Amino acid sequence: MEKREVPRHKCFLRAFVYFEGRSTAVDCVVRDISSLGARLAFVSTAYIPDTFELTFDSAHTLRPCRVAWRTDTQIGVEFQGTTFRPAA
């Protein structure tokens, strides 16, 4: 049974996670997405922090995220804020 407020749409989109003051970037695949969150696939989630920024466009815009759940290779995130913000 689906418990999300907004249904997610399946996709296969390359993205990057930035953390540690944008000094570290890790690539991932967005497996599904909605306006409120996404499911991200990684080789390993061991070093991904609980908060980070997500980009779909080579860091031209960044989306703050908070981890809602994680497995060894996937993370479910909630988007923080309502819009993407330009990278500084």
N, C-alpha and C. Protein backbone atom coordinates (compact mmCIF):
# COMPACT_ATOMS: atom_id res chain seq x y z
N MET A 1 0.84 -1.19 0.00
CA MET A 1 0.00 0.00 0.00
C MET A 1 0.88 1.25 0.00
N GLU A 2 0.59 2.15 -0.89
CA GLU A 2 1.33 3.40 -1.03
C GLU A 2 0.98 4.33 0.12
N LYS A 3 2.01 4.82 0.85
CA LYS A 3 1.78 5.71 1.98
C LYS A 3 2.23 7.14 1.71
N ARG A 4 2.79 7.41 0.56
CA ARG A 4 3.29 8.75 0.26
C ARG A 4 2.13 9.70 -0.01
N GLU A 5 2.37 10.98 0.32
CA GLU A 5 1.37 12.02 0.06
C GLU A 5 1.19 12.26 -1.43
N VAL A 6 2.29 12.19 -2.18
CA VAL A 6 2.28 12.45 -3.61
C VAL A 6 2.91 11.24 -4.30
N PRO A 7 2.26 10.65 -5.29
CA PRO A 7 2.85 9.49 -5.96
C PRO A 7 4.16 9.84 -6.65
N ARG A 8 5.08 8.89 -6.64
CA ARG A 8 6.35 9.07 -7.34
C ARG A 8 6.26 8.51 -8.74
N HIS A 9 7.06 9.08 -9.64
CA HIS A 9 7.10 8.65 -11.02
C HIS A 9 8.43 7.96 -11.28
N LYS A 10 8.37 6.78 -11.87
CA LYS A 10 9.59 6.02 -12.17
C LYS A 10 10.42 6.76 -13.21
N CYS A 11 11.73 6.70 -13.01
CA CYS A 11 12.65 7.33 -13.97
C CYS A 11 14.01 6.65 -13.86
N PHE A 12 14.91 7.04 -14.70
CA PHE A 12 16.28 6.55 -14.69
C PHE A 12 17.15 7.74 -15.08
N LEU A 13 17.46 8.58 -14.09
CA LEU A 13 18.09 9.87 -14.34
C LEU A 13 19.39 9.97 -13.55
N ARG A 14 20.49 10.31 -14.22
CA ARG A 14 21.76 10.50 -13.53
C ARG A 14 21.71 11.80 -12.75
N ALA A 15 22.24 11.74 -11.52
CA ALA A 15 22.29 12.92 -10.66
C ALA A 15 23.56 12.85 -9.81
N PHE A 16 23.82 13.93 -9.09
CA PHE A 16 24.97 13.99 -8.19
C PHE A 16 24.54 14.49 -6.83
N VAL A 17 25.15 13.91 -5.80
CA VAL A 17 24.94 14.32 -4.41
C VAL A 17 26.18 15.10 -3.99
N TYR A 18 25.97 16.29 -3.42
CA TYR A 18 27.06 17.12 -2.91
C TYR A 18 26.93 17.24 -1.41
N PHE A 19 28.08 17.09 -0.72
CA PHE A 19 28.09 17.29 0.72
C PHE A 19 29.48 17.74 1.15
N GLU A 20 29.65 17.99 2.44
CA GLU A 20 30.90 18.52 2.99
C GLU A 20 31.26 19.84 2.33
N GLY A 21 30.32 20.77 2.33
CA GLY A 21 30.58 22.08 1.75
C GLY A 21 30.82 22.04 0.26
N ARG A 22 30.19 21.09 -0.42
CA ARG A 22 30.31 20.87 -1.86
C ARG A 22 31.70 20.43 -2.29
N SER A 23 32.52 19.98 -1.34
CA SER A 23 33.85 19.49 -1.72
C SER A 23 33.80 18.02 -2.15
N THR A 24 32.70 17.34 -1.83
CA THR A 24 32.56 15.93 -2.20
C THR A 24 31.32 15.74 -3.04
N ALA A 25 31.46 15.06 -4.18
CA ALA A 25 30.33 14.75 -5.05
C ALA A 25 30.32 13.25 -5.32
N VAL A 26 29.13 12.67 -5.26
CA VAL A 26 28.94 11.24 -5.52
C VAL A 26 27.83 11.11 -6.55
N ASP A 27 28.07 10.33 -7.61
CA ASP A 27 27.01 10.16 -8.60
C ASP A 27 26.03 9.09 -8.15
N CYS A 28 24.81 9.23 -8.63
CA CYS A 28 23.74 8.30 -8.29
C CYS A 28 22.74 8.25 -9.44
N VAL A 29 21.76 7.38 -9.31
CA VAL A 29 20.69 7.28 -10.29
C VAL A 29 19.37 7.52 -9.56
N VAL A 30 18.58 8.45 -10.06
CA VAL A 30 17.25 8.69 -9.51
C VAL A 30 16.33 7.63 -10.10
N ARG A 31 15.76 6.79 -9.25
CA ARG A 31 14.91 5.68 -9.70
C ARG A 31 13.43 6.06 -9.73
N ASP A 32 13.01 6.92 -8.82
CA ASP A 32 11.66 7.50 -8.89
C ASP A 32 11.68 8.84 -8.17
N ILE A 33 10.70 9.70 -8.52
CA ILE A 33 10.72 11.07 -8.03
C ILE A 33 9.31 11.63 -7.94
N SER A 34 9.11 12.55 -7.01
CA SER A 34 7.87 13.33 -6.92
C SER A 34 8.27 14.74 -6.53
N SER A 35 7.31 15.59 -6.33
CA SER A 35 7.62 16.96 -5.92
C SER A 35 8.13 17.01 -4.48
N LEU A 36 7.91 15.93 -3.69
CA LEU A 36 8.31 15.93 -2.29
C LEU A 36 9.56 15.11 -1.99
N GLY A 37 9.96 14.21 -2.90
CA GLY A 37 11.11 13.38 -2.61
C GLY A 37 11.48 12.47 -3.76
N ALA A 38 12.46 11.59 -3.49
CA ALA A 38 12.96 10.71 -4.54
C ALA A 38 13.60 9.47 -3.92
N ARG A 39 13.78 8.45 -4.77
CA ARG A 39 14.54 7.26 -4.40
C ARG A 39 15.80 7.27 -5.25
N LEU A 40 16.95 7.25 -4.57
CA LEU A 40 18.25 7.34 -5.23
C LEU A 40 18.98 6.02 -5.08
N ALA A 41 19.65 5.58 -6.15
CA ALA A 41 20.43 4.35 -6.13
C ALA A 41 21.92 4.69 -6.21
N PHE A 42 22.72 4.01 -5.37
CA PHE A 42 24.16 4.21 -5.28
C PHE A 42 24.86 2.86 -5.36
N VAL A 43 26.16 2.88 -5.59
CA VAL A 43 26.96 1.67 -5.46
C VAL A 43 26.95 1.26 -3.99
N SER A 44 27.10 2.24 -3.09
CA SER A 44 27.02 2.02 -1.64
C SER A 44 26.54 3.30 -0.99
N THR A 45 25.72 3.19 0.02
CA THR A 45 25.24 4.37 0.75
C THR A 45 26.03 4.60 2.04
N ALA A 46 27.06 3.81 2.27
CA ALA A 46 27.80 3.84 3.54
C ALA A 46 28.34 5.23 3.89
N TYR A 47 28.76 6.01 2.90
CA TYR A 47 29.38 7.30 3.17
C TYR A 47 28.50 8.49 2.83
N ILE A 48 27.24 8.25 2.56
CA ILE A 48 26.32 9.34 2.24
C ILE A 48 25.73 9.87 3.56
N PRO A 49 25.89 11.17 3.84
CA PRO A 49 25.36 11.72 5.10
C PRO A 49 23.83 11.83 5.08
N ASP A 50 23.26 12.17 6.22
CA ASP A 50 21.81 12.27 6.35
C ASP A 50 21.22 13.51 5.70
N THR A 51 22.04 14.50 5.42
CA THR A 51 21.60 15.69 4.68
C THR A 51 22.63 15.99 3.60
N PHE A 52 22.15 16.44 2.45
CA PHE A 52 23.03 16.74 1.34
C PHE A 52 22.26 17.54 0.31
N GLU A 53 22.94 17.94 -0.76
CA GLU A 53 22.30 18.63 -1.87
C GLU A 53 22.34 17.74 -3.10
N LEU A 54 21.25 17.74 -3.86
CA LEU A 54 21.10 16.91 -5.05
C LEU A 54 21.02 17.81 -6.28
N THR A 55 21.72 17.42 -7.35
CA THR A 55 21.64 18.18 -8.60
C THR A 55 21.40 17.23 -9.76
N PHE A 56 20.65 17.70 -10.72
CA PHE A 56 20.38 16.98 -11.96
C PHE A 56 21.08 17.62 -13.15
N ASP A 57 21.66 18.80 -12.93
CA ASP A 57 22.18 19.60 -14.04
C ASP A 57 23.60 20.11 -13.78
N SER A 58 24.48 19.23 -13.36
CA SER A 58 25.90 19.56 -13.14
C SER A 58 26.08 20.72 -12.16
N ALA A 59 25.27 20.75 -11.13
CA ALA A 59 25.36 21.71 -10.02
C ALA A 59 24.97 23.14 -10.39
N HIS A 60 24.24 23.33 -11.49
CA HIS A 60 23.72 24.66 -11.78
C HIS A 60 22.60 25.01 -10.80
N THR A 61 21.82 24.02 -10.41
CA THR A 61 20.83 24.18 -9.35
C THR A 61 20.98 23.02 -8.38
N LEU A 62 20.69 23.29 -7.12
CA LEU A 62 20.85 22.29 -6.06
C LEU A 62 19.57 22.17 -5.26
N ARG A 63 19.25 20.95 -4.86
CA ARG A 63 18.04 20.68 -4.08
C ARG A 63 18.45 20.10 -2.73
N PRO A 64 18.24 20.83 -1.61
CA PRO A 64 18.56 20.29 -0.30
C PRO A 64 17.70 19.06 0.00
N CYS A 65 18.32 18.00 0.54
CA CYS A 65 17.62 16.75 0.82
C CYS A 65 17.92 16.26 2.23
N ARG A 66 16.96 15.52 2.78
CA ARG A 66 17.13 14.83 4.06
C ARG A 66 16.79 13.37 3.84
N VAL A 67 17.64 12.47 4.34
CA VAL A 67 17.40 11.04 4.18
C VAL A 67 16.23 10.61 5.05
N ALA A 68 15.25 9.92 4.45
CA ALA A 68 14.10 9.39 5.17
C ALA A 68 14.31 7.92 5.51
N TRP A 69 15.00 7.19 4.61
CA TRP A 69 15.32 5.77 4.84
C TRP A 69 16.52 5.42 3.97
N ARG A 70 17.18 4.31 4.31
CA ARG A 70 18.32 3.86 3.51
C ARG A 70 18.50 2.36 3.61
N THR A 71 19.04 1.79 2.53
CA THR A 71 19.50 0.41 2.50
C THR A 71 20.97 0.47 2.10
N ASP A 72 21.58 -0.67 1.82
CA ASP A 72 22.99 -0.67 1.42
C ASP A 72 23.23 0.05 0.10
N THR A 73 22.23 0.07 -0.79
CA THR A 73 22.43 0.65 -2.13
C THR A 73 21.40 1.72 -2.52
N GLN A 74 20.41 1.99 -1.68
CA GLN A 74 19.39 2.99 -2.03
C GLN A 74 19.08 3.89 -0.85
N ILE A 75 18.67 5.11 -1.18
CA ILE A 75 18.26 6.08 -0.18
C ILE A 75 16.96 6.72 -0.64
N GLY A 76 16.02 6.86 0.28
CA GLY A 76 14.82 7.64 0.05
C GLY A 76 15.01 8.99 0.68
N VAL A 77 14.78 10.07 -0.09
CA VAL A 77 15.00 11.42 0.43
C VAL A 77 13.71 12.23 0.39
N GLU A 78 13.64 13.16 1.33
CA GLU A 78 12.61 14.19 1.33
C GLU A 78 13.29 15.48 0.91
N PHE A 79 12.71 16.18 -0.05
CA PHE A 79 13.24 17.47 -0.46
C PHE A 79 12.93 18.48 0.64
N GLN A 80 13.91 19.29 0.97
CA GLN A 80 13.76 20.34 1.96
C GLN A 80 13.56 21.66 1.23
N GLY A 81 12.51 22.35 1.49
CA GLY A 81 12.20 23.56 0.75
C GLY A 81 11.32 23.20 -0.44
N THR A 82 10.84 24.21 -1.13
CA THR A 82 9.88 23.96 -2.19
C THR A 82 10.43 24.10 -3.60
N THR A 83 11.60 24.68 -3.75
CA THR A 83 12.14 24.87 -5.10
C THR A 83 13.63 24.60 -5.14
N PHE A 84 14.13 24.35 -6.33
CA PHE A 84 15.57 24.28 -6.52
C PHE A 84 16.14 25.67 -6.33
N ARG A 85 17.37 25.75 -5.89
CA ARG A 85 18.01 27.05 -5.75
C ARG A 85 19.25 27.08 -6.62
N PRO A 86 19.59 28.25 -7.15
CA PRO A 86 20.81 28.34 -7.97
C PRO A 86 22.03 28.07 -7.12
N ALA A 87 23.01 27.43 -7.70
CA ALA A 87 24.28 27.21 -7.00
C ALA A 87 25.02 28.53 -6.93
N ALA A 88 25.72 28.72 -5.83
CA ALA A 88 26.46 29.98 -5.63
C ALA A 88 27.76 29.97 -6.40
